[in-house]
Every structure is written in C-alpha cells, then in structure tokens.
Amino acid sequence: MKYLLAYFFLIFFLSCSHIKKELTCENSLTPKENIKALIDSFVLENKNDNYIYELYIDKQDPDNFNLLFYAGEKSLTDKENEVYEQVPVAYTIIHGKRINIYSGIERYFTNQKVEKREKINANEAKQVLWAVKDSLGVLMVYEIDGGYPFIPFPLKNEPDTFAPPVITSD
C-alpha cells in the first residue's frame, strides 16, 4: 500500500509540474527565414531603445498576406488595446528587441504577462511603418507614412498600373 501511495504522489507531482510549465509558457515564436530576414532588417534600420516593435499579420486568403511592421514610442493600436484590454499573445526576439506579434486573436484571448508602459501623447509619438505584401511567397516591402493593421495598405501605385474612375454625366 505504501508503494502504491508513493507511486500516486510521484505521478501527481510530475503531472503538476508539467501543468505549471505550460501555464508559464511565454509564447516566444521563431520566425521562418524569409520573415526573420525582414524583421532583422527592420530592427537594424530602426533600432531605438525607446521604441516598441510590433508585427501585425493579416491573412487575406490562402496565398496572400499583409504584414505590417511597426516601430514607435507607443503601440500602433494603443487606444484599441486599452479599450478591449488587448495584449499580444506571442512575440519573437531579434537583436535583443522584443517584437510583439498580433493577428487579431488578441480580442478573444488573453496573455497573463502584461508589460506596463508610460503613456505618450499620440501627437508626439515617433513611428516607422513597413508594409509587406506576401503573395505566394513573393515579398514586396514598402515604407509607408501611415497605416493601421487589418485594413488595406495605403500603397503607392506605379505609373500606368491604376486608372482613376471616369465619371460621366448622362
């Protein structure tokens, strides 16, 4: 009976320590090489100790994705994060900088580890944005002046690729 009780406590202890490890997981992700190279370039070009770094991933369809790389003194979605109590559920670290990863699930799931940052006036906050279009694995990178995640990018059109609508009066 003592052996059975000892065996039971050993199994219980091992399963509890397994559960504890899962609960303390920090959701650190390792990017694939093509995205890692982009994140690497973005961080090196915009390295600033006061910046936070974010990556927003928007899947358009099975073959097309919009990626928005952000570096700034406050979160790009600061107000939205505050209203909906959103925090990133995943991140990666490149060159010692933490890049928070958003995909839209933050509205529905929580991350227990929340970092508090000092509030910065939106008019004074500096920021850098790169828009990346991934179409069948072909990445096109654009530096943009403004944008917001999960909406179409304000990309510049090449000459003769877009004709404005012609309005006629009847």
N, C-alpha and C. Protein backbone atom coordinates (compact mmCIF):
# COMPACT_ATOMS: atom_id res chain seq x y z
N MET A 1 0.83 -1.19 0.00
CA MET A 1 0.00 0.00 0.00
C MET A 1 0.87 1.26 0.00
N LYS A 2 2.00 1.24 0.77
CA LYS A 2 2.89 2.40 0.80
C LYS A 2 3.45 2.69 -0.60
N TYR A 3 3.78 1.60 -1.33
CA TYR A 3 4.35 1.78 -2.67
C TYR A 3 3.31 2.37 -3.63
N LEU A 4 2.08 1.92 -3.50
CA LEU A 4 1.01 2.44 -4.35
C LEU A 4 0.77 3.92 -4.06
N LEU A 5 0.79 4.31 -2.78
CA LEU A 5 0.60 5.70 -2.39
C LEU A 5 1.79 6.55 -2.88
N ALA A 6 3.00 6.04 -2.73
CA ALA A 6 4.19 6.76 -3.21
C ALA A 6 4.12 6.91 -4.73
N TYR A 7 3.71 5.88 -5.43
CA TYR A 7 3.58 5.93 -6.89
C TYR A 7 2.55 6.99 -7.29
N PHE A 8 1.43 7.02 -6.58
CA PHE A 8 0.38 8.01 -6.85
C PHE A 8 0.92 9.43 -6.68
N PHE A 9 1.63 9.70 -5.58
CA PHE A 9 2.19 11.04 -5.34
C PHE A 9 3.23 11.40 -6.39
N LEU A 10 4.03 10.45 -6.84
CA LEU A 10 5.02 10.70 -7.88
C LEU A 10 4.33 11.10 -9.19
N ILE A 11 3.31 10.35 -9.57
CA ILE A 11 2.56 10.68 -10.79
C ILE A 11 1.90 12.05 -10.65
N PHE A 12 1.30 12.34 -9.51
CA PHE A 12 0.65 13.63 -9.27
C PHE A 12 1.66 14.77 -9.35
N PHE A 13 2.82 14.60 -8.74
CA PHE A 13 3.86 15.62 -8.75
C PHE A 13 4.36 15.90 -10.16
N LEU A 14 4.59 14.84 -10.93
CA LEU A 14 5.07 15.02 -12.30
C LEU A 14 4.03 15.70 -13.17
N SER A 15 2.77 15.35 -13.02
CA SER A 15 1.74 15.98 -13.84
C SER A 15 1.52 17.43 -13.43
N CYS A 16 1.63 17.77 -12.16
CA CYS A 16 1.50 19.16 -11.72
C CYS A 16 2.65 20.01 -12.25
N SER A 17 3.86 19.47 -12.22
CA SER A 17 4.98 20.26 -12.73
C SER A 17 4.84 20.45 -14.23
N HIS A 18 4.26 19.48 -14.94
CA HIS A 18 4.02 19.62 -16.38
C HIS A 18 3.00 20.73 -16.63
N ILE A 19 1.94 20.76 -15.83
CA ILE A 19 0.93 21.80 -15.97
C ILE A 19 1.55 23.15 -15.68
N LYS A 20 2.35 23.26 -14.65
CA LYS A 20 2.96 24.52 -14.29
C LYS A 20 3.82 25.04 -15.44
N LYS A 21 4.57 24.18 -16.10
CA LYS A 21 5.40 24.61 -17.23
C LYS A 21 4.55 25.16 -18.35
N GLU A 22 3.40 24.53 -18.63
CA GLU A 22 2.54 25.02 -19.70
C GLU A 22 1.95 26.38 -19.35
N LEU A 23 1.58 26.60 -18.10
CA LEU A 23 0.97 27.86 -17.70
C LEU A 23 1.97 29.01 -17.73
N THR A 24 3.25 28.73 -17.55
CA THR A 24 4.24 29.80 -17.53
C THR A 24 4.91 30.00 -18.88
N CYS A 25 4.44 29.32 -19.90
CA CYS A 25 4.99 29.48 -21.24
C CYS A 25 4.83 30.93 -21.68
N GLU A 26 5.85 31.48 -22.31
CA GLU A 26 5.80 32.89 -22.69
C GLU A 26 5.45 33.12 -24.15
N ASN A 27 5.11 32.10 -24.90
CA ASN A 27 4.69 32.21 -26.29
C ASN A 27 5.71 32.89 -27.19
N SER A 28 6.95 32.55 -27.01
CA SER A 28 8.00 33.06 -27.88
C SER A 28 8.02 32.22 -29.16
N LEU A 29 7.98 32.88 -30.30
CA LEU A 29 7.94 32.20 -31.59
C LEU A 29 9.25 32.41 -32.33
N THR A 30 9.62 31.44 -33.16
CA THR A 30 10.81 31.55 -34.00
C THR A 30 10.34 31.74 -35.43
N PRO A 31 10.66 32.89 -36.03
CA PRO A 31 10.18 33.14 -37.40
C PRO A 31 10.93 32.30 -38.43
N LYS A 32 10.26 32.04 -39.54
CA LYS A 32 10.91 31.37 -40.67
C LYS A 32 11.92 32.34 -41.28
N GLU A 33 12.85 31.79 -42.06
CA GLU A 33 13.99 32.57 -42.54
C GLU A 33 13.61 33.82 -43.32
N ASN A 34 12.61 33.73 -44.22
CA ASN A 34 12.28 34.92 -45.03
C ASN A 34 11.75 36.06 -44.17
N ILE A 35 10.92 35.75 -43.19
CA ILE A 35 10.38 36.78 -42.31
C ILE A 35 11.43 37.22 -41.30
N LYS A 36 12.25 36.29 -40.84
CA LYS A 36 13.32 36.65 -39.91
C LYS A 36 14.25 37.67 -40.54
N ALA A 37 14.56 37.51 -41.83
CA ALA A 37 15.43 38.46 -42.53
C ALA A 37 14.78 39.85 -42.58
N LEU A 38 13.47 39.90 -42.82
CA LEU A 38 12.77 41.19 -42.84
C LEU A 38 12.76 41.84 -41.45
N ILE A 39 12.44 41.06 -40.43
CA ILE A 39 12.41 41.59 -39.07
C ILE A 39 13.80 42.09 -38.69
N ASP A 40 14.81 41.30 -39.04
CA ASP A 40 16.20 41.66 -38.77
C ASP A 40 16.54 43.02 -39.40
N SER A 41 16.21 43.18 -40.68
CA SER A 41 16.48 44.45 -41.38
C SER A 41 15.70 45.60 -40.75
N PHE A 42 14.44 45.35 -40.41
CA PHE A 42 13.59 46.39 -39.83
C PHE A 42 14.16 46.87 -38.50
N VAL A 43 14.54 45.93 -37.64
CA VAL A 43 15.07 46.30 -36.33
C VAL A 43 16.40 47.03 -36.48
N LEU A 44 17.29 46.53 -37.33
CA LEU A 44 18.58 47.19 -37.50
C LEU A 44 18.43 48.60 -38.06
N GLU A 45 17.52 48.79 -39.00
CA GLU A 45 17.33 50.11 -39.60
C GLU A 45 16.65 51.09 -38.66
N ASN A 46 15.84 50.58 -37.73
CA ASN A 46 15.04 51.45 -36.85
C ASN A 46 15.36 51.24 -35.39
N LYS A 47 16.57 50.82 -35.08
CA LYS A 47 16.93 50.49 -33.70
C LYS A 47 16.89 51.75 -32.83
N ASN A 48 16.10 51.67 -31.78
CA ASN A 48 15.94 52.77 -30.85
C ASN A 48 15.53 52.17 -29.51
N ASP A 49 16.25 52.52 -28.46
CA ASP A 49 15.95 51.94 -27.14
C ASP A 49 14.57 52.30 -26.64
N ASN A 50 14.00 53.40 -27.11
CA ASN A 50 12.67 53.83 -26.64
C ASN A 50 11.53 53.25 -27.47
N TYR A 51 11.84 52.58 -28.56
CA TYR A 51 10.79 52.06 -29.44
C TYR A 51 10.28 50.71 -28.95
N ILE A 52 9.00 50.49 -29.22
CA ILE A 52 8.44 49.15 -29.12
C ILE A 52 8.28 48.68 -30.56
N TYR A 53 8.36 47.39 -30.77
CA TYR A 53 8.30 46.80 -32.10
C TYR A 53 7.10 45.86 -32.16
N GLU A 54 6.37 45.97 -33.27
CA GLU A 54 5.18 45.15 -33.45
C GLU A 54 5.12 44.62 -34.87
N LEU A 55 4.52 43.45 -35.00
CA LEU A 55 4.27 42.83 -36.31
C LEU A 55 2.82 42.41 -36.32
N TYR A 56 2.07 42.93 -37.30
CA TYR A 56 0.66 42.60 -37.47
C TYR A 56 0.54 41.71 -38.70
N ILE A 57 -0.11 40.57 -38.54
CA ILE A 57 -0.26 39.60 -39.63
C ILE A 57 -1.73 39.49 -40.00
N ASP A 58 -2.03 39.76 -41.27
CA ASP A 58 -3.41 39.73 -41.76
C ASP A 58 -3.49 38.78 -42.95
N LYS A 59 -4.11 37.64 -42.75
CA LYS A 59 -4.27 36.66 -43.83
C LYS A 59 -5.46 37.07 -44.68
N GLN A 60 -5.19 37.35 -45.97
CA GLN A 60 -6.23 37.76 -46.90
C GLN A 60 -6.96 36.56 -47.50
N ASP A 61 -6.19 35.57 -47.91
CA ASP A 61 -6.71 34.32 -48.47
C ASP A 61 -5.58 33.30 -48.35
N PRO A 62 -5.75 32.07 -48.81
CA PRO A 62 -4.70 31.06 -48.60
C PRO A 62 -3.32 31.44 -49.15
N ASP A 63 -3.26 32.32 -50.14
CA ASP A 63 -1.97 32.63 -50.76
C ASP A 63 -1.50 34.06 -50.52
N ASN A 64 -2.28 34.89 -49.88
CA ASN A 64 -1.93 36.31 -49.75
C ASN A 64 -2.05 36.79 -48.31
N PHE A 65 -1.00 37.48 -47.88
CA PHE A 65 -0.94 38.01 -46.52
C PHE A 65 -0.48 39.46 -46.58
N ASN A 66 -0.97 40.27 -45.66
CA ASN A 66 -0.44 41.60 -45.44
C ASN A 66 0.27 41.58 -44.09
N LEU A 67 1.51 42.02 -44.08
CA LEU A 67 2.27 42.12 -42.85
C LEU A 67 2.58 43.59 -42.62
N LEU A 68 2.37 44.06 -41.41
CA LEU A 68 2.66 45.45 -41.08
C LEU A 68 3.70 45.45 -39.96
N PHE A 69 4.88 45.94 -40.28
CA PHE A 69 5.96 46.07 -39.29
C PHE A 69 5.89 47.48 -38.72
N TYR A 70 5.95 47.58 -37.40
CA TYR A 70 5.82 48.87 -36.74
C TYR A 70 6.90 49.03 -35.69
N ALA A 71 7.48 50.22 -35.62
CA ALA A 71 8.39 50.60 -34.54
C ALA A 71 8.00 52.00 -34.12
N GLY A 72 7.80 52.20 -32.85
CA GLY A 72 7.41 53.52 -32.37
C GLY A 72 7.48 53.61 -30.87
N GLU A 73 7.20 54.80 -30.38
CA GLU A 73 7.30 55.05 -28.95
C GLU A 73 6.10 54.55 -28.17
N LYS A 74 5.04 54.20 -28.87
CA LYS A 74 3.86 53.59 -28.24
C LYS A 74 3.27 52.61 -29.24
N SER A 75 2.40 51.74 -28.79
CA SER A 75 1.80 50.74 -29.67
C SER A 75 0.99 51.42 -30.77
N LEU A 76 1.03 50.86 -31.97
CA LEU A 76 0.24 51.38 -33.08
C LEU A 76 -1.24 51.31 -32.75
N THR A 77 -1.65 50.30 -32.01
CA THR A 77 -3.06 50.12 -31.64
C THR A 77 -3.29 50.43 -30.17
N ASP A 78 -2.62 51.45 -29.68
CA ASP A 78 -2.66 51.80 -28.27
C ASP A 78 -4.07 51.98 -27.73
N LYS A 79 -4.87 52.80 -28.39
CA LYS A 79 -6.25 53.05 -27.92
C LYS A 79 -7.10 51.79 -27.98
N GLU A 80 -6.99 51.05 -29.09
CA GLU A 80 -7.74 49.80 -29.23
C GLU A 80 -7.34 48.80 -28.15
N ASN A 81 -6.05 48.69 -27.89
CA ASN A 81 -5.56 47.78 -26.85
C ASN A 81 -6.14 48.16 -25.49
N GLU A 82 -6.22 49.46 -25.23
CA GLU A 82 -6.75 49.93 -23.95
C GLU A 82 -8.24 49.63 -23.82
N VAL A 83 -9.01 49.94 -24.86
CA VAL A 83 -10.46 49.75 -24.83
C VAL A 83 -10.83 48.28 -24.68
N TYR A 84 -10.15 47.40 -25.46
CA TYR A 84 -10.51 45.99 -25.47
C TYR A 84 -9.60 45.14 -24.58
N GLU A 85 -8.73 45.80 -23.82
CA GLU A 85 -7.78 45.11 -22.94
C GLU A 85 -6.99 44.05 -23.69
N GLN A 86 -6.50 44.43 -24.87
CA GLN A 86 -5.74 43.52 -25.72
C GLN A 86 -4.26 43.58 -25.38
N VAL A 87 -3.65 42.43 -25.34
CA VAL A 87 -2.19 42.32 -25.23
C VAL A 87 -1.75 41.25 -26.24
N PRO A 88 -0.54 41.38 -26.76
CA PRO A 88 -0.10 40.37 -27.73
C PRO A 88 -0.02 39.01 -27.07
N VAL A 89 -0.39 37.97 -27.80
CA VAL A 89 -0.33 36.62 -27.26
C VAL A 89 0.94 35.90 -27.68
N ALA A 90 1.76 36.56 -28.52
CA ALA A 90 3.02 35.95 -28.95
C ALA A 90 4.04 37.06 -29.24
N TYR A 91 5.30 36.67 -29.28
CA TYR A 91 6.37 37.61 -29.61
C TYR A 91 7.58 36.83 -30.12
N THR A 92 8.53 37.55 -30.67
CA THR A 92 9.82 36.98 -31.03
C THR A 92 10.89 37.99 -30.62
N ILE A 93 12.11 37.54 -30.49
CA ILE A 93 13.20 38.44 -30.12
C ILE A 93 14.26 38.39 -31.22
N ILE A 94 14.58 39.56 -31.76
CA ILE A 94 15.61 39.72 -32.78
C ILE A 94 16.53 40.86 -32.34
N HIS A 95 17.82 40.62 -32.35
CA HIS A 95 18.82 41.62 -31.93
C HIS A 95 18.50 42.17 -30.53
N GLY A 96 18.01 41.32 -29.67
CA GLY A 96 17.72 41.73 -28.31
C GLY A 96 16.46 42.56 -28.17
N LYS A 97 15.73 42.77 -29.24
CA LYS A 97 14.49 43.55 -29.21
C LYS A 97 13.29 42.61 -29.28
N ARG A 98 12.34 42.85 -28.43
CA ARG A 98 11.11 42.06 -28.42
C ARG A 98 10.17 42.62 -29.47
N ILE A 99 9.68 41.77 -30.36
CA ILE A 99 8.71 42.16 -31.38
C ILE A 99 7.40 41.49 -31.02
N ASN A 100 6.41 42.27 -30.61
CA ASN A 100 5.09 41.74 -30.28
C ASN A 100 4.38 41.38 -31.58
N ILE A 101 3.72 40.22 -31.59
CA ILE A 101 3.05 39.73 -32.79
C ILE A 101 1.54 39.73 -32.55
N TYR A 102 0.83 40.39 -33.47
CA TYR A 102 -0.62 40.48 -33.41
C TYR A 102 -1.22 39.83 -34.65
N SER A 103 -2.35 39.16 -34.47
CA SER A 103 -3.02 38.54 -35.62
C SER A 103 -4.54 38.73 -35.56
N GLY A 104 -5.01 39.43 -34.56
CA GLY A 104 -6.45 39.62 -34.40
C GLY A 104 -7.05 38.78 -33.29
N ILE A 105 -6.34 37.74 -32.85
CA ILE A 105 -6.90 36.89 -31.80
C ILE A 105 -6.82 37.54 -30.42
N GLU A 106 -6.10 38.65 -30.32
CA GLU A 106 -5.95 39.34 -29.03
C GLU A 106 -7.28 39.80 -28.47
N ARG A 107 -8.24 40.01 -29.34
CA ARG A 107 -9.57 40.44 -28.90
C ARG A 107 -10.28 39.34 -28.13
N TYR A 108 -9.90 38.08 -28.39
CA TYR A 108 -10.62 36.94 -27.84
C TYR A 108 -9.84 36.12 -26.82
N PHE A 109 -8.52 36.31 -26.75
CA PHE A 109 -7.69 35.55 -25.82
C PHE A 109 -6.80 36.51 -25.05
N THR A 110 -6.43 36.12 -23.83
CA THR A 110 -5.59 36.99 -23.03
C THR A 110 -4.23 36.36 -22.80
N ASN A 111 -3.29 37.21 -22.51
CA ASN A 111 -1.94 36.82 -22.15
C ASN A 111 -1.72 37.35 -20.74
N GLN A 112 -1.36 36.50 -19.82
CA GLN A 112 -1.27 36.89 -18.42
C GLN A 112 -0.12 37.85 -18.14
N LYS A 113 0.91 37.84 -18.97
CA LYS A 113 2.06 38.70 -18.74
C LYS A 113 1.86 40.01 -19.50
N VAL A 114 1.59 41.07 -18.77
CA VAL A 114 1.33 42.37 -19.38
C VAL A 114 2.43 43.33 -18.95
N GLU A 115 3.03 43.99 -19.94
CA GLU A 115 4.05 44.99 -19.64
C GLU A 115 3.39 46.36 -19.59
N LYS A 116 3.62 47.12 -18.53
CA LYS A 116 3.08 48.46 -18.42
C LYS A 116 4.09 49.43 -19.02
N ARG A 117 3.63 50.34 -19.85
CA ARG A 117 4.48 51.35 -20.46
C ARG A 117 3.91 52.71 -20.14
N GLU A 118 4.78 53.68 -20.07
CA GLU A 118 4.36 55.05 -19.82
C GLU A 118 3.56 55.57 -21.00
N LYS A 119 2.47 56.28 -20.71
CA LYS A 119 1.63 56.83 -21.78
C LYS A 119 2.38 57.97 -22.48
N ILE A 120 2.26 57.99 -23.82
CA ILE A 120 2.90 59.02 -24.64
C ILE A 120 1.81 59.69 -25.45
N ASN A 121 1.87 61.02 -25.55
CA ASN A 121 0.92 61.77 -26.33
C ASN A 121 1.00 61.34 -27.79
N ALA A 122 -0.13 61.02 -28.39
CA ALA A 122 -0.15 60.50 -29.76
C ALA A 122 0.48 61.47 -30.76
N ASN A 123 0.34 62.77 -30.54
CA ASN A 123 0.89 63.75 -31.47
C ASN A 123 2.41 63.81 -31.41
N GLU A 124 2.99 63.39 -30.31
CA GLU A 124 4.44 63.46 -30.14
C GLU A 124 5.14 62.14 -30.44
N ALA A 125 4.39 61.07 -30.61
CA ALA A 125 4.99 59.75 -30.77
C ALA A 125 5.59 59.59 -32.17
N LYS A 126 6.84 59.15 -32.21
CA LYS A 126 7.50 58.86 -33.48
C LYS A 126 7.21 57.42 -33.85
N GLN A 127 7.15 57.16 -35.17
CA GLN A 127 6.86 55.80 -35.62
C GLN A 127 7.42 55.55 -37.00
N VAL A 128 7.65 54.27 -37.29
CA VAL A 128 8.11 53.81 -38.60
C VAL A 128 7.23 52.63 -38.98
N LEU A 129 6.76 52.60 -40.23
CA LEU A 129 5.91 51.52 -40.70
C LEU A 129 6.46 50.95 -42.00
N TRP A 130 6.51 49.63 -42.08
CA TRP A 130 6.80 48.92 -43.32
C TRP A 130 5.59 48.05 -43.63
N ALA A 131 5.07 48.15 -44.84
CA ALA A 131 4.01 47.27 -45.30
C ALA A 131 4.65 46.20 -46.16
N VAL A 132 4.29 44.95 -45.91
CA VAL A 132 4.84 43.84 -46.68
C VAL A 132 3.67 43.05 -47.25
N LYS A 133 3.65 42.92 -48.57
CA LYS A 133 2.66 42.09 -49.24
C LYS A 133 3.33 40.76 -49.55
N ASP A 134 2.74 39.68 -49.08
CA ASP A 134 3.24 38.33 -49.35
C ASP A 134 2.22 37.67 -50.26
N SER A 135 2.60 37.46 -51.52
CA SER A 135 1.73 36.82 -52.48
C SER A 135 2.44 35.59 -53.02
N LEU A 136 1.96 34.42 -52.59
CA LEU A 136 2.56 33.14 -52.97
C LEU A 136 4.04 33.08 -52.63
N GLY A 137 4.41 33.69 -51.49
CA GLY A 137 5.79 33.65 -51.03
C GLY A 137 6.69 34.73 -51.60
N VAL A 138 6.17 35.56 -52.50
CA VAL A 138 6.94 36.69 -53.03
C VAL A 138 6.65 37.89 -52.14
N LEU A 139 7.69 38.42 -51.50
CA LEU A 139 7.52 39.52 -50.56
C LEU A 139 7.85 40.85 -51.22
N MET A 140 6.93 41.81 -51.10
CA MET A 140 7.15 43.17 -51.59
C MET A 140 7.07 44.10 -50.39
N VAL A 141 8.12 44.90 -50.18
CA VAL A 141 8.23 45.74 -48.99
C VAL A 141 8.06 47.21 -49.39
N TYR A 142 7.24 47.93 -48.64
CA TYR A 142 7.00 49.35 -48.85
C TYR A 142 7.16 50.07 -47.52
N GLU A 143 7.85 51.18 -47.49
CA GLU A 143 7.84 52.02 -46.29
C GLU A 143 6.70 53.00 -46.48
N ILE A 144 5.81 53.08 -45.49
CA ILE A 144 4.62 53.91 -45.61
C ILE A 144 4.60 54.95 -44.49
N ASP A 145 3.91 56.05 -44.75
CA ASP A 145 3.83 57.14 -43.77
C ASP A 145 2.78 56.88 -42.70
N GLY A 146 1.75 56.14 -43.03
CA GLY A 146 0.69 55.87 -42.08
C GLY A 146 -0.05 54.61 -42.46
N GLY A 147 -0.71 54.04 -41.52
CA GLY A 147 -1.48 52.83 -41.77
C GLY A 147 -2.02 52.29 -40.47
N TYR A 148 -2.86 51.29 -40.58
CA TYR A 148 -3.44 50.65 -39.40
C TYR A 148 -3.61 49.17 -39.73
N PRO A 149 -3.42 48.30 -38.77
CA PRO A 149 -3.50 46.86 -39.05
C PRO A 149 -4.89 46.42 -39.51
N PHE A 150 -4.88 45.40 -40.34
CA PHE A 150 -6.08 44.69 -40.76
C PHE A 150 -7.01 45.51 -41.67
N ILE A 151 -6.48 46.56 -42.28
CA ILE A 151 -7.20 47.29 -43.31
C ILE A 151 -6.26 47.41 -44.50
N PRO A 152 -6.77 47.69 -45.70
CA PRO A 152 -5.87 47.77 -46.86
C PRO A 152 -4.75 48.79 -46.67
N PHE A 153 -3.59 48.45 -47.17
CA PHE A 153 -2.44 49.34 -47.06
C PHE A 153 -2.60 50.54 -47.99
N PRO A 154 -2.12 51.69 -47.58
CA PRO A 154 -2.10 52.86 -48.47
C PRO A 154 -0.83 52.84 -49.33
N LEU A 155 -0.73 51.86 -50.23
CA LEU A 155 0.47 51.70 -51.04
C LEU A 155 0.42 52.63 -52.25
N LYS A 156 1.59 53.04 -52.70
CA LYS A 156 1.69 53.89 -53.88
C LYS A 156 1.61 53.01 -55.12
N ASN A 157 0.91 53.47 -56.13
CA ASN A 157 0.80 52.73 -57.39
C ASN A 157 1.88 53.18 -58.35
N GLU A 158 2.39 52.24 -59.10
CA GLU A 158 3.34 52.56 -60.16
C GLU A 158 2.58 53.26 -61.29
N PRO A 159 3.27 54.09 -62.09
CA PRO A 159 2.59 54.74 -63.22
C PRO A 159 1.94 53.71 -64.14
N ASP A 160 0.79 54.04 -64.63
CA ASP A 160 0.03 53.23 -65.58
C ASP A 160 -0.47 51.90 -65.03
N THR A 161 -0.46 51.72 -63.71
CA THR A 161 -1.00 50.48 -63.16
C THR A 161 -2.40 50.67 -62.60
N PHE A 162 -2.81 51.92 -62.44
CA PHE A 162 -4.14 52.17 -61.89
C PHE A 162 -4.73 53.37 -62.61
N ALA A 163 -5.87 53.19 -63.16
CA ALA A 163 -6.55 54.29 -63.83
C ALA A 163 -7.70 54.75 -62.94
N PRO A 164 -7.76 56.04 -62.62
CA PRO A 164 -8.87 56.52 -61.80
C PRO A 164 -10.19 56.33 -62.53
N PRO A 165 -11.28 56.20 -61.80
CA PRO A 165 -12.58 56.01 -62.45
C PRO A 165 -12.96 57.24 -63.30
N VAL A 166 -13.61 56.95 -64.38
CA VAL A 166 -14.10 58.04 -65.24
C VAL A 166 -15.57 58.25 -64.93
N ILE A 167 -15.92 59.47 -64.56
CA ILE A 167 -17.30 59.79 -64.21
C ILE A 167 -17.91 60.53 -65.38
N THR A 168 -18.98 60.01 -65.87
CA THR A 168 -19.69 60.66 -66.99
C THR A 168 -21.07 61.09 -66.52
N SER A 169 -21.53 62.15 -67.10
CA SER A 169 -22.88 62.59 -66.77
C SER A 169 -23.82 62.20 -67.91
N ASP A 170 -24.94 61.68 -67.58
CA ASP A 170 -25.92 61.26 -68.60
C ASP A 170 -26.95 62.29 -68.83
